[in-house]
């Protein structure tokens, strides 16, 4: 992906903050459950929105590769 614009950065931050707020609201489900459900949900959205399953898998794979390990 190309470098995000300032507006995209602001929208990413808003989206991320909204997700964190929602995670706080449903914390009684447990961390693992919330993470599993989030991954499952966004994976299904990728499959549903992509023109093909191959394209969906490419987007999902790229997203996984973009995660930075900090430990």
PDB file of N, CA and C in Angstrom:
ATOM      1  N   UNK A   1       0.845  -1.179   0.000  1.00  0.00           N
ATOM      2  CA  UNK A   1       0.000   0.000   0.000  1.00  0.00           C
ATOM      3  C   UNK A   1       0.889   1.242   0.000  1.00  0.00           C
ATOM      4  N   UNK A   2       0.372   2.310  -0.556  1.00  0.00           N
ATOM      5  CA  UNK A   2       1.111   3.567  -0.595  1.00  0.00           C
ATOM      6  C   UNK A   2       1.037   4.259   0.771  1.00  0.00           C
ATOM      7  N   UNK A   3       1.871   5.272   0.927  1.00  0.00           N
ATOM      8  CA  UNK A   3       1.862   6.030   2.172  1.00  0.00           C
ATOM      9  C   UNK A   3       0.499   6.697   2.358  1.00  0.00           C
ATOM     10  N   UNK A   4      -0.065   6.594   3.567  1.00  0.00           N
ATOM     11  CA  UNK A   4      -1.381   7.208   3.794  1.00  0.00           C
ATOM     12  C   UNK A   4      -1.293   8.728   3.854  1.00  0.00           C
ATOM     13  N   UNK A   5      -2.373   9.358   3.434  1.00  0.00           N
ATOM     14  CA  UNK A   5      -2.473  10.813   3.547  1.00  0.00           C
ATOM     15  C   UNK A   5      -2.755  11.176   5.006  1.00  0.00           C
ATOM     16  N   UNK A   6      -2.650  12.453   5.329  1.00  0.00           N
ATOM     17  CA  UNK A   6      -2.943  12.902   6.692  1.00  0.00           C
ATOM     18  C   UNK A   6      -4.389  12.569   7.056  1.00  0.00           C
ATOM     19  N   UNK A   7      -5.304  12.759   6.119  1.00  0.00           N
ATOM     20  CA  UNK A   7      -6.717  12.451   6.366  1.00  0.00           C
ATOM     21  C   UNK A   7      -6.897  10.959   6.639  1.00  0.00           C
ATOM     22  N   UNK A   8      -6.209  10.110   5.864  1.00  0.00           N
ATOM     23  CA  UNK A   8      -6.303   8.664   6.081  1.00  0.00           C
ATOM     24  C   UNK A   8      -5.735   8.275   7.441  1.00  0.00           C
ATOM     25  N   UNK A   9      -4.643   8.909   7.834  1.00  0.00           N
ATOM     26  CA  UNK A   9      -4.063   8.641   9.154  1.00  0.00           C
ATOM     27  C   UNK A   9      -5.065   8.988  10.253  1.00  0.00           C
ATOM     28  N   UNK A  10      -5.718  10.136  10.111  1.00  0.00           N
ATOM     29  CA  UNK A  10      -6.718  10.550  11.096  1.00  0.00           C
ATOM     30  C   UNK A  10      -7.891   9.569  11.136  1.00  0.00           C
ATOM     31  N   UNK A  11      -8.334   9.118   9.975  1.00  0.00           N
ATOM     32  CA  UNK A  11      -9.435   8.152   9.925  1.00  0.00           C
ATOM     33  C   UNK A  11      -9.011   6.802  10.500  1.00  0.00           C
ATOM     34  N   UNK A  12      -7.784   6.370  10.218  1.00  0.00           N
ATOM     35  CA  UNK A  12      -7.266   5.125  10.806  1.00  0.00           C
ATOM     36  C   UNK A  12      -7.262   5.230  12.325  1.00  0.00           C
ATOM     37  N   UNK A  13      -6.794   6.368  12.844  1.00  0.00           N
ATOM     38  CA  UNK A  13      -6.762   6.574  14.291  1.00  0.00           C
ATOM     39  C   UNK A  13      -8.165   6.529  14.886  1.00  0.00           C
ATOM     40  N   UNK A  14      -9.114   7.175  14.210  1.00  0.00           N
ATOM     41  CA  UNK A  14     -10.501   7.181  14.685  1.00  0.00           C
ATOM     42  C   UNK A  14     -11.077   5.765  14.678  1.00  0.00           C
ATOM     43  N   UNK A  15     -10.809   5.022  13.622  1.00  0.00           N
ATOM     44  CA  UNK A  15     -11.281   3.637  13.503  1.00  0.00           C
ATOM     45  C   UNK A  15     -10.675   2.784  14.615  1.00  0.00           C
ATOM     46  N   UNK A  16      -9.363   2.908  14.817  1.00  0.00           N
ATOM     47  CA  UNK A  16      -8.659   2.124  15.828  1.00  0.00           C
ATOM     48  C   UNK A  16      -9.180   2.453  17.226  1.00  0.00           C
ATOM     49  N   UNK A  17      -9.351   3.742  17.510  1.00  0.00           N
ATOM     50  CA  UNK A  17      -9.865   4.158  18.815  1.00  0.00           C
ATOM     51  C   UNK A  17     -11.278   3.624  19.036  1.00  0.00           C
ATOM     52  N   UNK A  18     -12.090   3.667  18.002  1.00  0.00           N
ATOM     53  CA  UNK A  18     -13.447   3.129  18.107  1.00  0.00           C
ATOM     54  C   UNK A  18     -13.446   1.638  18.393  1.00  0.00           C
ATOM     55  N   UNK A  19     -12.542   0.906  17.742  1.00  0.00           N
ATOM     56  CA  UNK A  19     -12.435  -0.537  18.009  1.00  0.00           C
ATOM     57  C   UNK A  19     -11.998  -0.792  19.451  1.00  0.00           C
ATOM     58  N   UNK A  20     -11.021  -0.035  19.931  1.00  0.00           N
ATOM     59  CA  UNK A  20     -10.569  -0.213  21.310  1.00  0.00           C
ATOM     60  C   UNK A  20     -11.688   0.083  22.306  1.00  0.00           C
ATOM     61  N   UNK A  21     -12.477   1.114  22.031  1.00  0.00           N
ATOM     62  CA  UNK A  21     -13.611   1.431  22.900  1.00  0.00           C
ATOM     63  C   UNK A  21     -14.622   0.287  22.907  1.00  0.00           C
ATOM     64  N   UNK A  22     -14.899  -0.264  21.741  1.00  0.00           N
ATOM     65  CA  UNK A  22     -15.840  -1.381  21.650  1.00  0.00           C
ATOM     66  C   UNK A  22     -15.306  -2.618  22.375  1.00  0.00           C
ATOM     67  N   UNK A  23     -14.007  -2.885  22.226  1.00  0.00           N
ATOM     68  CA  UNK A  23     -13.396  -4.016  22.924  1.00  0.00           C
ATOM     69  C   UNK A  23     -13.554  -3.851  24.436  1.00  0.00           C
ATOM     70  N   UNK A  24     -13.376  -2.640  24.923  1.00  0.00           N
ATOM     71  CA  UNK A  24     -13.577  -2.380  26.353  1.00  0.00           C
ATOM     72  C   UNK A  24     -15.013  -2.691  26.779  1.00  0.00           C
ATOM     73  N   UNK A  25     -15.967  -2.345  25.925  1.00  0.00           N
ATOM     74  CA  UNK A  25     -17.381  -2.557  26.251  1.00  0.00           C
ATOM     75  C   UNK A  25     -17.750  -4.035  26.329  1.00  0.00           C
ATOM     76  N   UNK A  26     -17.072  -4.882  25.577  1.00  0.00           N
ATOM     77  CA  UNK A  26     -17.427  -6.311  25.530  1.00  0.00           C
ATOM     78  C   UNK A  26     -16.380  -7.187  26.210  1.00  0.00           C
ATOM     79  N   UNK A  27     -15.550  -6.585  27.046  1.00  0.00           N
ATOM     80  CA  UNK A  27     -14.436  -7.296  27.668  1.00  0.00           C
ATOM     81  C   UNK A  27     -14.875  -8.520  28.464  1.00  0.00           C
ATOM     82  N   UNK A  28     -16.094  -8.537  28.963  1.00  0.00           N
ATOM     83  CA  UNK A  28     -16.540  -9.694  29.736  1.00  0.00           C
ATOM     84  C   UNK A  28     -16.600 -10.976  28.879  1.00  0.00           C
ATOM     85  N   UNK A  29     -16.550 -10.831  27.559  1.00  0.00           N
ATOM     86  CA  UNK A  29     -16.472 -12.015  26.699  1.00  0.00           C
ATOM     87  C   UNK A  29     -15.113 -12.709  26.819  1.00  0.00           C
ATOM     88  N   UNK A  30     -14.118 -11.966  27.231  1.00  0.00           N
ATOM     89  CA  UNK A  30     -12.770 -12.504  27.350  1.00  0.00           C
ATOM     90  C   UNK A  30     -11.922 -12.100  26.154  1.00  0.00           C
ATOM     91  N   UNK A  31     -10.653 -11.868  26.422  1.00  0.00           N
ATOM     92  CA  UNK A  31      -9.739 -11.368  25.390  1.00  0.00           C
ATOM     93  C   UNK A  31      -9.666 -12.295  24.188  1.00  0.00           C
ATOM     94  N   UNK A  32      -9.452 -13.584  24.422  1.00  0.00           N
ATOM     95  CA  UNK A  32      -9.314 -14.518  23.304  1.00  0.00           C
ATOM     96  C   UNK A  32     -10.575 -14.580  22.447  1.00  0.00           C
ATOM     97  N   UNK A  33     -11.723 -14.551  23.090  1.00  0.00           N
ATOM     98  CA  UNK A  33     -12.988 -14.586  22.352  1.00  0.00           C
ATOM     99  C   UNK A  33     -13.139 -13.331  21.488  1.00  0.00           C
ATOM    100  N   UNK A  34     -12.847 -12.182  22.061  1.00  0.00           N
ATOM    101  CA  UNK A  34     -12.976 -10.921  21.333  1.00  0.00           C
ATOM    102  C   UNK A  34     -12.015 -10.889  20.143  1.00  0.00           C
ATOM    103  N   UNK A  35     -10.779 -11.310  20.356  1.00  0.00           N
ATOM    104  CA  UNK A  35      -9.800 -11.324  19.268  1.00  0.00           C
ATOM    105  C   UNK A  35     -10.221 -12.300  18.178  1.00  0.00           C
ATOM    106  N   UNK A  36     -10.620 -13.512  18.559  1.00  0.00           N
ATOM    107  CA  UNK A  36     -11.047 -14.513  17.581  1.00  0.00           C
ATOM    108  C   UNK A  36     -12.226 -13.985  16.761  1.00  0.00           C
ATOM    109  N   UNK A  37     -13.216 -13.441  17.446  1.00  0.00           N
ATOM    110  CA  UNK A  37     -14.402 -12.949  16.750  1.00  0.00           C
ATOM    111  C   UNK A  37     -14.057 -11.783  15.824  1.00  0.00           C
ATOM    112  N   UNK A  38     -13.159 -10.899  16.268  1.00  0.00           N
ATOM    113  CA  UNK A  38     -12.742  -9.779  15.422  1.00  0.00           C
ATOM    114  C   UNK A  38     -12.031 -10.251  14.169  1.00  0.00           C
ATOM    115  N   UNK A  39     -11.098 -11.188  14.327  1.00  0.00           N
ATOM    116  CA  UNK A  39     -10.387 -11.723  13.156  1.00  0.00           C
ATOM    117  C   UNK A  39     -11.358 -12.425  12.222  1.00  0.00           C
ATOM    118  N   UNK A  40     -12.245 -13.225  12.792  1.00  0.00           N
ATOM    119  CA  UNK A  40     -13.234 -13.940  11.988  1.00  0.00           C
ATOM    120  C   UNK A  40     -14.136 -12.960  11.230  1.00  0.00           C
ATOM    121  N   UNK A  41     -14.579 -11.919  11.908  1.00  0.00           N
ATOM    122  CA  UNK A  41     -15.467 -10.937  11.296  1.00  0.00           C
ATOM    123  C   UNK A  41     -14.776 -10.192  10.150  1.00  0.00           C
ATOM    124  N   UNK A  42     -13.571  -9.678  10.397  1.00  0.00           N
ATOM    125  CA  UNK A  42     -12.875  -8.926   9.357  1.00  0.00           C
ATOM    126  C   UNK A  42     -12.416  -9.813   8.204  1.00  0.00           C
ATOM    127  N   UNK A  43     -12.121 -11.071   8.493  1.00  0.00           N
ATOM    128  CA  UNK A  43     -11.788 -12.010   7.417  1.00  0.00           C
ATOM    129  C   UNK A  43     -13.009 -12.237   6.532  1.00  0.00           C
ATOM    130  N   UNK A  44     -14.167 -12.394   7.148  1.00  0.00           N
ATOM    131  CA  UNK A  44     -15.386 -12.592   6.373  1.00  0.00           C
ATOM    132  C   UNK A  44     -15.716 -11.350   5.550  1.00  0.00           C
ATOM    133  N   UNK A  45     -15.502 -10.174   6.099  1.00  0.00           N
ATOM    134  CA  UNK A  45     -15.724  -8.933   5.342  1.00  0.00           C
ATOM    135  C   UNK A  45     -14.803  -8.883   4.131  1.00  0.00           C
ATOM    136  N   UNK A  46     -13.534  -9.277   4.318  1.00  0.00           N
ATOM    137  CA  UNK A  46     -12.585  -9.293   3.197  1.00  0.00           C
ATOM    138  C   UNK A  46     -13.058 -10.236   2.105  1.00  0.00           C
ATOM    139  N   UNK A  47     -13.523 -11.409   2.496  1.00  0.00           N
ATOM    140  CA  UNK A  47     -14.016 -12.390   1.519  1.00  0.00           C
ATOM    141  C   UNK A  47     -15.262 -11.857   0.817  1.00  0.00           C
ATOM    142  N   UNK A  48     -16.173 -11.280   1.576  1.00  0.00           N
ATOM    143  CA  UNK A  48     -17.421 -10.778   0.998  1.00  0.00           C
ATOM    144  C   UNK A  48     -17.209  -9.598   0.051  1.00  0.00           C
ATOM    145  N   UNK A  49     -16.225  -8.755   0.336  1.00  0.00           N
ATOM    146  CA  UNK A  49     -16.029  -7.529  -0.445  1.00  0.00           C
ATOM    147  C   UNK A  49     -15.076  -7.693  -1.626  1.00  0.00           C
ATOM    148  N   UNK A  50     -14.241  -8.701  -1.588  1.00  0.00           N
ATOM    149  CA  UNK A  50     -13.248  -8.885  -2.649  1.00  0.00           C
ATOM    150  C   UNK A  50     -13.907  -9.433  -3.910  1.00  0.00           C
ATOM    151  N   UNK A  51     -13.336  -9.115  -5.068  1.00  0.00           N
ATOM    152  CA  UNK A  51     -13.894  -9.639  -6.316  1.00  0.00           C
ATOM    153  C   UNK A  51     -13.746 -11.154  -6.455  1.00  0.00           C
ATOM    154  N   UNK A  52     -12.785 -11.733  -5.732  1.00  0.00           N
ATOM    155  CA  UNK A  52     -12.597 -13.184  -5.776  1.00  0.00           C
ATOM    156  C   UNK A  52     -11.995 -13.650  -4.458  1.00  0.00           C
ATOM    157  N   UNK A  53     -12.085 -14.947  -4.215  1.00  0.00           N
ATOM    158  CA  UNK A  53     -11.492 -15.508  -3.017  1.00  0.00           C
ATOM    159  C   UNK A  53      -9.970 -15.333  -3.045  1.00  0.00           C
ATOM    160  N   UNK A  54      -9.386 -15.442  -4.219  1.00  0.00           N
ATOM    161  CA  UNK A  54      -7.942 -15.248  -4.364  1.00  0.00           C
ATOM    162  C   UNK A  54      -7.550 -13.833  -3.940  1.00  0.00           C
ATOM    163  N   UNK A  55      -8.314 -12.831  -4.375  1.00  0.00           N
ATOM    164  CA  UNK A  55      -8.048 -11.442  -3.987  1.00  0.00           C
ATOM    165  C   UNK A  55      -8.223 -11.253  -2.483  1.00  0.00           C
ATOM    166  N   UNK A  56      -9.248 -11.871  -1.913  1.00  0.00           N
ATOM    167  CA  UNK A  56      -9.479 -11.773  -0.472  1.00  0.00           C
ATOM    168  C   UNK A  56      -8.300 -12.355   0.289  1.00  0.00           C
ATOM    169  N   UNK A  57      -7.841 -13.510  -0.145  1.00  0.00           N
ATOM    170  CA  UNK A  57      -6.701 -14.146   0.522  1.00  0.00           C
ATOM    171  C   UNK A  57      -5.449 -13.284   0.417  1.00  0.00           C
ATOM    172  N   UNK A  58      -5.265 -12.619  -0.713  1.00  0.00           N
ATOM    173  CA  UNK A  58      -4.103 -11.741  -0.885  1.00  0.00           C
ATOM    174  C   UNK A  58      -4.161 -10.565   0.087  1.00  0.00           C
ATOM    175  N   UNK A  59      -5.339  -9.980   0.265  1.00  0.00           N
ATOM    176  CA  UNK A  59      -5.508  -8.861   1.196  1.00  0.00           C
ATOM    177  C   UNK A  59      -5.253  -9.329   2.627  1.00  0.00           C
ATOM    178  N   UNK A  60      -5.804 -10.475   2.977  1.00  0.00           N
ATOM    179  CA  UNK A  60      -5.637 -11.018   4.326  1.00  0.00           C
ATOM    180  C   UNK A  60      -4.162 -11.329   4.588  1.00  0.00           C
ATOM    181  N   UNK A  61      -3.507 -11.948   3.623  1.00  0.00           N
ATOM    182  CA  UNK A  61      -2.083 -12.283   3.763  1.00  0.00           C
ATOM    183  C   UNK A  61      -1.242 -11.017   3.908  1.00  0.00           C
ATOM    184  N   UNK A  62      -1.538  -9.992   3.120  1.00  0.00           N
ATOM    185  CA  UNK A  62      -0.793  -8.736   3.210  1.00  0.00           C
ATOM    186  C   UNK A  62      -0.999  -8.091   4.582  1.00  0.00           C
ATOM    187  N   UNK A  63      -2.209  -8.149   5.099  1.00  0.00           N
ATOM    188  CA  UNK A  63      -2.484  -7.569   6.416  1.00  0.00           C
ATOM    189  C   UNK A  63      -1.704  -8.314   7.490  1.00  0.00           C
ATOM    190  N   UNK A  64      -1.657  -9.627   7.422  1.00  0.00           N
ATOM    191  CA  UNK A  64      -0.918 -10.416   8.397  1.00  0.00           C
ATOM    192  C   UNK A  64       0.568 -10.076   8.339  1.00  0.00           C
ATOM    193  N   UNK A  65       1.107  -9.967   7.127  1.00  0.00           N
ATOM    194  CA  UNK A  65       2.537  -9.663   6.965  1.00  0.00           C
ATOM    195  C   UNK A  65       2.877  -8.259   7.475  1.00  0.00           C
ATOM    196  N   UNK A  66       1.903  -7.358   7.492  1.00  0.00           N
ATOM    197  CA  UNK A  66       2.170  -5.979   7.904  1.00  0.00           C
ATOM    198  C   UNK A  66       2.226  -5.810   9.431  1.00  0.00           C
ATOM    199  N   UNK A  67       1.794  -6.829  10.149  1.00  0.00           N
ATOM    200  CA  UNK A  67       1.803  -6.748  11.609  1.00  0.00           C
ATOM    201  C   UNK A  67       3.241  -6.770  12.098  1.00  0.00           C
ATOM    202  N   UNK A  68       3.556  -5.844  12.967  1.00  0.00           N
ATOM    203  CA  UNK A  68       4.922  -5.727  13.490  1.00  0.00           C
ATOM    204  C   UNK A  68       5.025  -6.444  14.827  1.00  0.00           C
ATOM    205  N   UNK A  69       6.002  -7.309  14.961  1.00  0.00           N
ATOM    206  CA  UNK A  69       6.229  -7.984  16.211  1.00  0.00           C
ATOM    207  C   UNK A  69       7.038  -7.045  17.108  1.00  0.00           C
ATOM    208  N   UNK A  70       6.542  -6.772  18.301  1.00  0.00           N
ATOM    209  CA  UNK A  70       7.216  -5.828  19.184  1.00  0.00           C
ATOM    210  C   UNK A  70       7.827  -6.496  20.401  1.00  0.00           C
ATOM    211  N   UNK A  71       7.637  -7.770  20.565  1.00  0.00           N
ATOM    212  CA  UNK A  71       8.170  -8.458  21.745  1.00  0.00           C
ATOM    213  C   UNK A  71       9.555  -9.003  21.491  1.00  0.00           C
TER     214      UNK A  71
END
